[in-house]
Protein backbone atom coordinates (compact mmCIF):
# COMPACT_ATOMS: atom_id res chain seq x y z
CA UNK A 1 -0.09 -0.17 -0.01
CA UNK A 2 1.13 3.35 -1.16
CA UNK A 3 0.88 5.99 1.46
CA UNK A 4 0.14 9.74 0.58
CA UNK A 5 1.48 13.30 2.27
CA UNK A 6 0.47 16.62 1.38
CA UNK A 7 2.90 18.79 1.71
CA UNK A 8 2.59 20.99 4.91
CA UNK A 9 2.90 24.72 3.10
CA UNK A 10 0.24 23.48 0.56
CA UNK A 11 -1.94 22.35 3.62
CA UNK A 12 -1.68 25.60 5.41
CA UNK A 13 -2.40 27.28 2.67
CA UNK A 14 -5.56 25.39 2.07
CA UNK A 15 -6.52 25.52 5.26
CA UNK A 16 -6.13 29.69 6.20
CA UNK A 17 -8.17 29.71 2.77
CA UNK A 18 -10.91 27.58 3.77
CA UNK A 19 -10.38 28.95 7.75
CA UNK A 20 -10.99 32.62 5.85
CA UNK A 21 -13.76 31.77 4.02
CA UNK A 22 -16.20 29.35 6.90
CA UNK A 23 -15.06 33.26 8.66
CA UNK A 24 -16.48 35.41 5.97
CA UNK A 25 -19.91 32.47 5.70
CA UNK A 26 -20.39 32.90 9.51
CA UNK A 27 -23.79 34.95 9.49
CA UNK A 28 -25.16 33.45 6.15
CA UNK A 29 -28.32 31.51 6.15
CA UNK A 30 -27.58 27.69 7.65
CA UNK A 31 -28.41 26.41 3.98
CA UNK A 32 -25.75 28.45 2.30
CA UNK A 33 -23.00 27.28 4.71
CA UNK A 34 -24.45 23.50 4.59
CA UNK A 35 -24.33 23.86 0.63
CA UNK A 36 -20.63 25.55 0.79
CA UNK A 37 -19.32 22.54 3.02
CA UNK A 38 -20.69 19.87 1.67
CA UNK A 39 -19.48 21.30 -1.93
CA UNK A 40 -15.67 21.15 -0.50
CA UNK A 41 -16.24 18.29 1.44
CA UNK A 42 -17.03 15.75 -1.82
CA UNK A 43 -14.60 17.70 -3.84
CA UNK A 44 -11.94 16.51 -0.96
CA UNK A 45 -13.23 13.22 -0.96
CA UNK A 46 -13.35 13.32 -5.03
CA UNK A 47 -9.70 14.75 -5.05
CA UNK A 48 -8.29 12.49 -2.27
CA UNK A 49 -10.80 9.74 -1.51
CA UNK A 50 -10.41 6.20 -2.96
CA UNK A 51 -13.94 4.31 -4.06
CA UNK A 52 -13.99 2.03 -0.83
CA UNK A 53 -13.60 5.39 1.38
CA UNK A 54 -16.42 6.82 -0.01
CA UNK A 55 -18.72 4.18 0.35
CA UNK A 56 -17.49 3.62 3.84
CA UNK A 57 -18.34 7.22 4.43
CA UNK A 58 -21.13 7.23 2.26
CA UNK A 59 -22.45 4.20 4.52
CA UNK A 60 -21.47 6.04 7.64
CA UNK A 61 -23.20 8.99 6.93
CA UNK A 62 -26.93 7.06 5.84
CA UNK A 63 -26.45 5.20 9.47
CA UNK A 64 -25.67 8.38 11.00
CA UNK A 65 -28.54 9.62 9.58
CA UNK A 66 -31.10 6.71 10.62
CA UNK A 67 -29.48 6.94 14.39
CA UNK A 68 -28.07 3.35 13.75
CA UNK A 69 -24.34 2.74 15.37
CA UNK A 70 -21.84 1.93 12.73
């Protein structure tokens, strides 16, 4: 198995940008915030996620929504 590690400068730059955008959206309607966070996470999973990781994340999300344990 090959492990991937993001460069620390790139990670810091991206997290800073996300933090600034989240701060800007702080007083936006909750639906708008949800839409933005969902798109950010889906983009992250599409870029970095493996197909098995995406399936297990979706499964965990469905079970959390239904209230059952994973």
